[in-house]
Amino acid sequence: MIKLQQTLGYTLGEILALNEEYQAGEHSPERTVAVLQTQIERLRLRKEALDAALNFLQGKVEWIRSGKPGDAPRLEDYRC
């Protein structure tokens, strides 16, 4: 279960806190949905950042392969 939660982007501290909350009986369908929606948003933001980083790196590779014409790509040019 811990590996799954880590794969879903939770830190060990978050996993511990969620487990303690669950063990204390402080869980409900509404709380579960709220926790999952929060994690979905965090992962969406992380994906956007990773997509920008990947696009930047690909742009850098293309720039180098083409003989470094003009200015080097800048990460901030790839962010949303």
N, C-alpha and C. Protein backbone atom coordinates (compact mmCIF):
# COMPACT_ATOMS: atom_id res chain seq x y z
N MET A 1 0.82 -1.19 0.00
CA MET A 1 0.00 0.00 0.00
C MET A 1 0.87 1.26 0.00
N ILE A 2 1.97 1.24 0.73
CA ILE A 2 2.85 2.41 0.78
C ILE A 2 3.44 2.69 -0.59
N LYS A 3 3.88 1.65 -1.29
CA LYS A 3 4.45 1.84 -2.63
C LYS A 3 3.43 2.48 -3.56
N LEU A 4 2.19 2.02 -3.49
CA LEU A 4 1.14 2.60 -4.33
C LEU A 4 0.97 4.08 -4.02
N GLN A 5 0.90 4.42 -2.74
CA GLN A 5 0.72 5.81 -2.36
C GLN A 5 1.92 6.66 -2.78
N GLN A 6 3.13 6.11 -2.67
CA GLN A 6 4.30 6.84 -3.14
C GLN A 6 4.24 7.04 -4.65
N THR A 7 3.80 6.02 -5.37
CA THR A 7 3.65 6.12 -6.82
C THR A 7 2.65 7.21 -7.17
N LEU A 8 1.65 7.40 -6.33
CA LEU A 8 0.64 8.42 -6.56
C LEU A 8 1.09 9.81 -6.10
N GLY A 9 2.35 9.90 -5.64
CA GLY A 9 2.93 11.20 -5.32
C GLY A 9 2.88 11.62 -3.87
N TYR A 10 2.43 10.76 -2.99
CA TYR A 10 2.39 11.11 -1.57
C TYR A 10 3.76 10.91 -0.95
N THR A 11 4.14 11.82 -0.05
CA THR A 11 5.38 11.64 0.70
C THR A 11 5.11 10.65 1.84
N LEU A 12 6.18 10.14 2.43
CA LEU A 12 6.00 9.23 3.56
C LEU A 12 5.28 9.93 4.71
N GLY A 13 5.59 11.21 4.91
CA GLY A 13 4.90 11.97 5.95
C GLY A 13 3.41 12.09 5.70
N GLU A 14 3.05 12.32 4.45
CA GLU A 14 1.63 12.40 4.09
C GLU A 14 0.94 11.06 4.26
N ILE A 15 1.63 10.01 3.87
CA ILE A 15 1.08 8.65 4.02
C ILE A 15 0.83 8.36 5.49
N LEU A 16 1.78 8.70 6.35
CA LEU A 16 1.63 8.49 7.79
C LEU A 16 0.44 9.27 8.32
N ALA A 17 0.34 10.54 7.93
CA ALA A 17 -0.76 11.38 8.42
C ALA A 17 -2.11 10.84 7.96
N LEU A 18 -2.20 10.43 6.71
CA LEU A 18 -3.45 9.87 6.20
C LEU A 18 -3.80 8.57 6.91
N ASN A 19 -2.78 7.74 7.16
CA ASN A 19 -3.01 6.48 7.86
C ASN A 19 -3.49 6.73 9.29
N GLU A 20 -2.87 7.68 9.97
CA GLU A 20 -3.28 8.01 11.33
C GLU A 20 -4.72 8.53 11.35
N GLU A 21 -5.04 9.36 10.37
CA GLU A 21 -6.41 9.88 10.26
C GLU A 21 -7.40 8.73 10.06
N TYR A 22 -7.04 7.82 9.19
CA TYR A 22 -7.90 6.66 8.91
C TYR A 22 -8.06 5.79 10.15
N GLN A 23 -6.94 5.52 10.84
CA GLN A 23 -6.98 4.67 12.04
C GLN A 23 -7.81 5.31 13.15
N ALA A 24 -7.83 6.64 13.18
CA ALA A 24 -8.60 7.35 14.21
C ALA A 24 -10.09 7.41 13.86
N GLY A 25 -10.45 6.85 12.72
CA GLY A 25 -11.85 6.83 12.31
C GLY A 25 -12.32 8.12 11.66
N GLU A 26 -11.37 8.96 11.30
CA GLU A 26 -11.70 10.26 10.71
C GLU A 26 -11.72 10.17 9.19
N HIS A 27 -12.49 9.24 8.68
CA HIS A 27 -12.58 9.10 7.23
C HIS A 27 -14.05 9.00 6.83
N SER A 28 -14.33 9.50 5.67
CA SER A 28 -15.67 9.45 5.11
C SER A 28 -15.52 9.53 3.60
N PRO A 29 -16.54 9.19 2.86
CA PRO A 29 -16.44 9.34 1.41
C PRO A 29 -16.09 10.77 1.00
N GLU A 30 -16.67 11.74 1.70
CA GLU A 30 -16.39 13.14 1.37
C GLU A 30 -14.93 13.49 1.62
N ARG A 31 -14.39 13.03 2.74
CA ARG A 31 -12.98 13.30 3.06
C ARG A 31 -12.08 12.60 2.06
N THR A 32 -12.40 11.38 1.70
CA THR A 32 -11.60 10.64 0.72
C THR A 32 -11.58 11.37 -0.61
N VAL A 33 -12.74 11.84 -1.05
CA VAL A 33 -12.81 12.58 -2.31
C VAL A 33 -11.99 13.86 -2.22
N ALA A 34 -12.07 14.57 -1.11
CA ALA A 34 -11.30 15.81 -0.94
C ALA A 34 -9.80 15.54 -1.01
N VAL A 35 -9.35 14.50 -0.34
CA VAL A 35 -7.93 14.14 -0.35
C VAL A 35 -7.49 13.78 -1.77
N LEU A 36 -8.30 12.98 -2.45
CA LEU A 36 -7.95 12.56 -3.81
C LEU A 36 -7.95 13.74 -4.78
N GLN A 37 -8.92 14.64 -4.65
CA GLN A 37 -8.95 15.81 -5.53
C GLN A 37 -7.75 16.71 -5.31
N THR A 38 -7.33 16.85 -4.06
CA THR A 38 -6.14 17.64 -3.77
C THR A 38 -4.91 17.02 -4.43
N GLN A 39 -4.80 15.71 -4.34
CA GLN A 39 -3.65 15.03 -4.94
C GLN A 39 -3.70 15.11 -6.47
N ILE A 40 -4.89 15.01 -7.05
CA ILE A 40 -5.02 15.15 -8.50
C ILE A 40 -4.50 16.51 -8.94
N GLU A 41 -4.87 17.55 -8.22
CA GLU A 41 -4.41 18.90 -8.58
C GLU A 41 -2.89 19.02 -8.43
N ARG A 42 -2.35 18.48 -7.35
CA ARG A 42 -0.89 18.51 -7.16
C ARG A 42 -0.17 17.80 -8.30
N LEU A 43 -0.68 16.64 -8.68
CA LEU A 43 -0.06 15.88 -9.77
C LEU A 43 -0.21 16.60 -11.10
N ARG A 44 -1.34 17.26 -11.32
CA ARG A 44 -1.54 18.02 -12.55
C ARG A 44 -0.51 19.15 -12.65
N LEU A 45 -0.29 19.86 -11.55
CA LEU A 45 0.70 20.93 -11.54
C LEU A 45 2.11 20.38 -11.74
N ARG A 46 2.38 19.26 -11.12
CA ARG A 46 3.70 18.63 -11.28
C ARG A 46 3.91 18.19 -12.73
N LYS A 47 2.86 17.65 -13.35
CA LYS A 47 2.94 17.23 -14.75
C LYS A 47 3.24 18.42 -15.65
N GLU A 48 2.57 19.55 -15.39
CA GLU A 48 2.83 20.75 -16.18
C GLU A 48 4.30 21.17 -16.07
N ALA A 49 4.84 21.12 -14.85
CA ALA A 49 6.24 21.48 -14.64
C ALA A 49 7.17 20.50 -15.34
N LEU A 50 6.86 19.21 -15.26
CA LEU A 50 7.68 18.20 -15.94
C LEU A 50 7.58 18.34 -17.45
N ASP A 51 6.39 18.62 -17.96
CA ASP A 51 6.23 18.82 -19.40
C ASP A 51 7.06 20.01 -19.87
N ALA A 52 7.06 21.10 -19.10
CA ALA A 52 7.86 22.27 -19.45
C ALA A 52 9.34 21.92 -19.44
N ALA A 53 9.78 21.17 -18.43
CA ALA A 53 11.19 20.78 -18.35
C ALA A 53 11.58 19.90 -19.52
N LEU A 54 10.73 18.95 -19.88
CA LEU A 54 11.02 18.07 -21.02
C LEU A 54 11.07 18.86 -22.32
N ASN A 55 10.14 19.78 -22.51
CA ASN A 55 10.15 20.60 -23.72
C ASN A 55 11.40 21.47 -23.78
N PHE A 56 11.80 22.02 -22.64
CA PHE A 56 13.03 22.82 -22.59
C PHE A 56 14.24 21.96 -22.98
N LEU A 57 14.35 20.78 -22.39
CA LEU A 57 15.50 19.92 -22.69
C LEU A 57 15.51 19.51 -24.16
N GLN A 58 14.34 19.21 -24.71
CA GLN A 58 14.27 18.87 -26.13
C GLN A 58 14.68 20.07 -26.98
N GLY A 59 14.24 21.25 -26.60
CA GLY A 59 14.64 22.46 -27.31
C GLY A 59 16.14 22.69 -27.23
N LYS A 60 16.71 22.40 -26.08
CA LYS A 60 18.17 22.56 -25.90
C LYS A 60 18.92 21.58 -26.80
N VAL A 61 18.46 20.33 -26.87
CA VAL A 61 19.09 19.33 -27.74
C VAL A 61 19.01 19.79 -29.19
N GLU A 62 17.84 20.25 -29.61
CA GLU A 62 17.68 20.70 -30.99
C GLU A 62 18.57 21.90 -31.29
N TRP A 63 18.68 22.82 -30.33
CA TRP A 63 19.53 24.00 -30.48
C TRP A 63 21.00 23.59 -30.65
N ILE A 64 21.46 22.65 -29.83
CA ILE A 64 22.85 22.18 -29.91
C ILE A 64 23.08 21.47 -31.23
N ARG A 65 22.17 20.59 -31.61
CA ARG A 65 22.33 19.84 -32.87
C ARG A 65 22.35 20.76 -34.08
N SER A 66 21.67 21.88 -34.00
CA SER A 66 21.63 22.78 -35.15
C SER A 66 22.78 23.79 -35.14
N GLY A 67 23.76 23.57 -34.26
CA GLY A 67 24.95 24.42 -34.25
C GLY A 67 24.86 25.63 -33.33
N LYS A 68 23.93 25.63 -32.42
CA LYS A 68 23.76 26.69 -31.42
C LYS A 68 23.50 28.06 -32.06
N PRO A 69 22.56 28.15 -32.97
CA PRO A 69 22.27 29.45 -33.56
C PRO A 69 21.52 30.35 -32.57
N GLY A 70 21.89 31.58 -32.51
CA GLY A 70 21.19 32.52 -31.62
C GLY A 70 21.38 32.19 -30.16
N ASP A 71 20.47 32.73 -29.37
CA ASP A 71 20.53 32.51 -27.93
C ASP A 71 20.09 31.10 -27.56
N ALA A 72 20.65 30.61 -26.48
CA ALA A 72 20.27 29.29 -25.97
C ALA A 72 18.83 29.34 -25.45
N PRO A 73 18.13 28.23 -25.56
CA PRO A 73 16.77 28.18 -24.99
C PRO A 73 16.82 28.48 -23.48
N ARG A 74 15.76 29.12 -23.00
CA ARG A 74 15.65 29.44 -21.57
C ARG A 74 14.45 28.71 -21.00
N LEU A 75 14.61 28.13 -19.83
CA LEU A 75 13.52 27.37 -19.21
C LEU A 75 12.27 28.22 -19.06
N GLU A 76 12.43 29.47 -18.69
CA GLU A 76 11.25 30.32 -18.48
C GLU A 76 10.42 30.51 -19.75
N ASP A 77 11.02 30.30 -20.90
CA ASP A 77 10.28 30.40 -22.17
C ASP A 77 9.39 29.18 -22.40
N TYR A 78 9.57 28.14 -21.62
CA TYR A 78 8.80 26.90 -21.80
C TYR A 78 7.73 26.72 -20.73
N ARG A 79 7.68 27.60 -19.78
CA ARG A 79 6.68 27.48 -18.71
C ARG A 79 5.36 28.04 -19.16
N CYS A 80 4.31 27.51 -18.60
CA CYS A 80 2.95 27.97 -18.94
C CYS A 80 2.67 29.31 -18.32
